[in-house]
N, C-alpha and C. Protein backbone atom coordinates (compact mmCIF):
# COMPACT_ATOMS: atom_id res chain seq x y z
N MET A 1 -6.15 -19.08 -44.50
CA MET A 1 -7.09 -19.75 -43.72
C MET A 1 -6.75 -18.28 -41.97
N LEU A 2 -7.55 -17.38 -42.26
CA LEU A 2 -8.39 -16.69 -40.90
C LEU A 2 -8.52 -17.38 -39.72
N VAL A 3 -7.93 -16.51 -38.60
CA VAL A 3 -8.86 -16.69 -37.53
C VAL A 3 -8.87 -16.39 -36.47
N PHE A 4 -9.98 -15.16 -36.12
CA PHE A 4 -10.15 -14.31 -34.84
C PHE A 4 -10.64 -15.11 -33.86
N ALA A 5 -10.04 -14.21 -32.55
CA ALA A 5 -10.29 -14.80 -31.78
C ALA A 5 -11.32 -13.05 -30.88
N TYR A 6 -12.14 -13.81 -30.39
CA TYR A 6 -13.45 -12.51 -30.02
C TYR A 6 -13.20 -12.31 -28.32
N GLY A 7 -13.01 -11.45 -27.71
CA GLY A 7 -13.28 -11.59 -25.78
C GLY A 7 -11.51 -11.26 -25.20
N ARG A 8 -12.28 -11.38 -23.93
CA ARG A 8 -10.11 -10.95 -23.78
C ARG A 8 -9.02 -12.07 -24.10
N GLN A 9 -7.61 -11.11 -24.29
CA GLN A 9 -6.88 -12.37 -23.88
C GLN A 9 -6.53 -12.33 -22.95
N LYS A 10 -6.00 -13.62 -22.89
CA LYS A 10 -5.60 -14.59 -21.31
C LYS A 10 -4.46 -13.71 -20.46
N ALA A 11 -5.01 -13.91 -19.69
CA ALA A 11 -3.65 -12.62 -18.59
C ALA A 11 -1.59 -13.16 -19.30
N GLU A 12 -1.15 -12.74 -18.59
CA GLU A 12 0.11 -13.05 -18.46
C GLU A 12 0.53 -13.17 -17.20
N HIS A 13 1.41 -14.13 -16.31
CA HIS A 13 1.50 -14.06 -15.09
C HIS A 13 3.37 -13.42 -14.81
N LEU A 14 3.29 -12.47 -13.95
CA LEU A 14 4.37 -12.48 -13.29
C LEU A 14 4.56 -12.18 -12.31
N VAL A 15 6.15 -12.00 -11.51
CA VAL A 15 6.72 -12.09 -9.68
C VAL A 15 7.19 -10.53 -9.95
N TYR A 16 7.33 -9.25 -9.48
CA TYR A 16 7.90 -9.03 -8.50
C TYR A 16 8.29 -8.31 -7.77
N ARG A 17 9.24 -8.84 -7.06
CA ARG A 17 9.63 -7.82 -5.26
C ARG A 17 8.19 -8.33 -4.77
N ASP A 18 8.17 -10.47 -4.82
CA ASP A 18 6.73 -10.84 -3.96
C ASP A 18 5.81 -10.58 -4.52
N TYR A 19 5.24 -9.95 -5.34
CA TYR A 19 3.82 -9.95 -5.58
C TYR A 19 3.84 -10.79 -6.94
N ASN A 20 2.12 -10.75 -7.65
CA ASN A 20 2.04 -11.31 -8.02
C ASN A 20 1.04 -10.30 -9.34
N LEU A 21 1.90 -10.50 -10.80
CA LEU A 21 0.89 -9.45 -11.36
C LEU A 21 0.29 -10.19 -12.68
N ASP A 22 -0.62 -9.83 -12.97
CA ASP A 22 -1.77 -10.50 -14.31
C ASP A 22 -2.00 -8.74 -15.11
N ILE A 23 -1.35 -9.17 -15.91
CA ILE A 23 -1.30 -8.24 -17.81
C ILE A 23 -2.21 -8.85 -18.65
N SER A 24 -3.16 -8.04 -18.55
CA SER A 24 -3.56 -8.45 -20.34
C SER A 24 -4.05 -6.81 -21.10
N LYS A 25 -3.85 -7.10 -22.31
CA LYS A 25 -4.02 -6.56 -23.12
C LYS A 25 -5.63 -5.47 -23.02
N ASP A 26 -5.93 -4.65 -23.07
CA ASP A 26 -7.22 -4.05 -23.24
C ASP A 26 -7.38 -2.86 -24.08
N ARG A 27 -8.39 -2.60 -24.64
CA ARG A 27 -8.96 -1.43 -25.58
C ARG A 27 -8.09 -0.53 -25.48
N LEU A 28 -7.93 -0.30 -24.19
CA LEU A 28 -7.19 1.71 -24.12
C LEU A 28 -6.12 1.75 -23.42
N GLY A 29 -5.23 0.11 -23.23
CA GLY A 29 -3.73 0.06 -22.94
C GLY A 29 -3.35 -1.22 -22.91
N TRP A 30 -3.58 -0.75 -21.25
CA TRP A 30 -3.14 -2.41 -20.63
C TRP A 30 -3.84 -2.39 -19.15
N ARG A 31 -4.46 -3.65 -18.75
CA ARG A 31 -4.89 -4.12 -17.83
C ARG A 31 -4.14 -4.72 -16.75
N LEU A 32 -3.84 -4.59 -15.79
CA LEU A 32 -3.09 -5.11 -14.52
C LEU A 32 -3.22 -4.84 -13.05
N GLY A 33 -3.40 -6.50 -12.57
CA GLY A 33 -3.66 -6.83 -11.72
C GLY A 33 -2.58 -7.04 -10.46
N VAL A 34 -2.15 -6.33 -9.61
CA VAL A 34 -1.67 -6.95 -8.41
C VAL A 34 -1.71 -7.09 -7.07
N TYR A 35 -1.27 -8.18 -5.91
CA TYR A 35 -1.20 -8.90 -5.75
C TYR A 35 -0.16 -9.19 -4.56
N PRO A 36 -0.14 -9.20 -3.68
CA PRO A 36 0.95 -9.82 -2.81
C PRO A 36 0.75 -11.52 -2.76
N SER A 37 2.06 -11.48 -2.76
CA SER A 37 1.86 -13.46 -2.58
C SER A 37 2.84 -14.21 -0.99
N ARG A 38 2.55 -13.38 -0.39
CA ARG A 38 2.19 -13.30 1.76
C ARG A 38 1.67 -12.65 1.97
N PRO A 39 1.07 -13.24 3.12
CA PRO A 39 -0.46 -12.36 3.61
C PRO A 39 0.67 -10.69 4.77
N GLU A 40 2.28 -10.67 4.85
CA GLU A 40 2.15 -9.83 5.63
C GLU A 40 2.85 -8.62 4.43
N LEU A 41 2.68 -8.70 2.93
CA LEU A 41 3.31 -7.31 2.67
C LEU A 41 1.76 -6.76 2.42
N PRO A 42 2.35 -5.70 2.03
CA PRO A 42 1.18 -4.44 2.18
C PRO A 42 0.38 -4.33 0.48
N VAL A 43 -1.36 -4.69 0.59
CA VAL A 43 -1.33 -4.10 -0.65
C VAL A 43 -1.77 -2.88 -0.79
N LEU A 44 -1.93 -2.99 -2.23
CA LEU A 44 -1.88 -1.22 -3.53
C LEU A 44 -3.32 -1.03 -2.70
N GLY A 45 -3.64 -0.05 -2.48
CA GLY A 45 -4.77 0.77 -2.59
C GLY A 45 -6.16 0.40 -3.70
N HIS A 46 -5.64 0.03 -5.05
CA HIS A 46 -6.62 -0.31 -6.14
C HIS A 46 -5.32 -1.46 -6.88
N SER A 47 -5.66 -2.97 -6.92
CA SER A 47 -4.91 -3.43 -6.95
C SER A 47 -5.22 -4.32 -8.49
N LYS A 48 -6.22 -2.82 -9.17
CA LYS A 48 -6.81 -3.46 -10.10
C LYS A 48 -6.61 -2.54 -11.68
N PHE A 49 -5.88 -1.78 -12.05
CA PHE A 49 -5.70 -0.70 -12.63
C PHE A 49 -5.69 -0.57 -13.53
N THR A 50 -6.07 -0.26 -15.11
CA THR A 50 -5.70 -0.06 -16.52
C THR A 50 -4.44 1.42 -16.89
N VAL A 51 -3.54 0.57 -17.78
CA VAL A 51 -2.87 1.75 -17.87
C VAL A 51 -3.08 2.13 -19.45
N THR A 52 -2.40 3.25 -19.53
CA THR A 52 -2.55 4.17 -21.15
C THR A 52 -1.74 4.14 -21.64
N CYS A 53 -0.78 2.91 -21.47
CA CYS A 53 0.01 3.24 -22.86
C CYS A 53 0.76 2.30 -23.45
N PRO A 54 0.65 2.52 -24.85
CA PRO A 54 0.88 1.71 -26.16
C PRO A 54 1.35 0.45 -25.68
N ARG A 55 2.84 0.77 -24.95
CA ARG A 55 3.51 -0.79 -25.03
C ARG A 55 3.53 -1.11 -24.04
N LYS A 56 3.41 -2.20 -23.87
CA LYS A 56 3.93 -3.64 -22.58
C LYS A 56 5.11 -3.16 -21.24
N ASP A 57 5.80 -2.41 -21.80
CA ASP A 57 6.89 -2.39 -21.24
C ASP A 57 6.91 -1.00 -20.39
N ASP A 58 6.16 -0.28 -20.75
CA ASP A 58 5.26 0.75 -20.10
C ASP A 58 4.94 1.35 -19.12
N ALA A 59 3.59 -0.26 -19.68
CA ALA A 59 3.02 -0.31 -18.27
C ALA A 59 3.26 -1.01 -17.30
N LEU A 60 4.48 -2.35 -16.95
CA LEU A 60 4.72 -2.96 -16.86
C LEU A 60 5.83 -2.06 -15.37
N CYS A 61 5.96 -1.08 -16.69
CA CYS A 61 6.98 -0.21 -15.31
C CYS A 61 6.24 0.68 -14.89
N ALA A 62 4.94 1.29 -15.09
CA ALA A 62 4.60 1.69 -13.98
C ALA A 62 4.13 0.93 -12.57
N ALA A 63 3.27 -0.69 -12.86
CA ALA A 63 3.23 -1.17 -12.01
C ALA A 63 4.59 -1.05 -11.05
N TYR A 64 5.37 -1.89 -12.18
CA TYR A 64 6.75 -2.10 -10.92
C TYR A 64 6.91 -0.31 -10.18
N ARG A 65 6.81 0.64 -10.74
CA ARG A 65 7.02 1.64 -9.83
C ARG A 65 5.77 2.15 -8.68
N ARG A 66 4.38 1.67 -8.18
CA ARG A 66 3.43 2.09 -7.66
C ARG A 66 3.73 0.41 -6.63
N ILE A 67 4.56 -0.70 -7.31
CA ILE A 67 4.76 -1.12 -6.08
C ILE A 67 6.06 -0.52 -5.55
N ASP A 68 6.93 -0.14 -5.57
CA ASP A 68 7.98 0.49 -5.06
C ASP A 68 7.80 1.67 -3.85
N LEU A 69 6.72 2.06 -4.89
CA LEU A 69 6.33 3.77 -3.77
C LEU A 69 5.74 3.14 -3.17
N LEU A 70 5.28 1.65 -2.85
CA LEU A 70 4.45 1.19 -1.33
C LEU A 70 5.04 0.06 -0.07
N LEU A 71 6.11 -0.16 -1.29
CA LEU A 71 7.83 -0.74 -0.03
C LEU A 71 8.60 0.31 0.55
N SER A 72 8.74 1.11 -0.24
CA SER A 72 9.64 2.35 0.16
C SER A 72 8.87 3.23 1.22
N ALA A 73 6.99 3.13 1.91
CA ALA A 73 6.20 4.18 2.43
C ALA A 73 7.19 3.22 3.89
């Protein structure tokens, strides 16, 4: 029996350098949400963004780079 799921996939939750990351597959690539886990951490200008990478690992690397750039400033 075939089962089809409609709608958006459930987001996977990860943590990197005290930032919460929510990642889910989008039709154009991957949708990411990056949020600080503590109030004293800087907030990204665009906390939700879409990365048009076909591989999940590449999308996560893009999010990690944004966090690293924010914390190095």
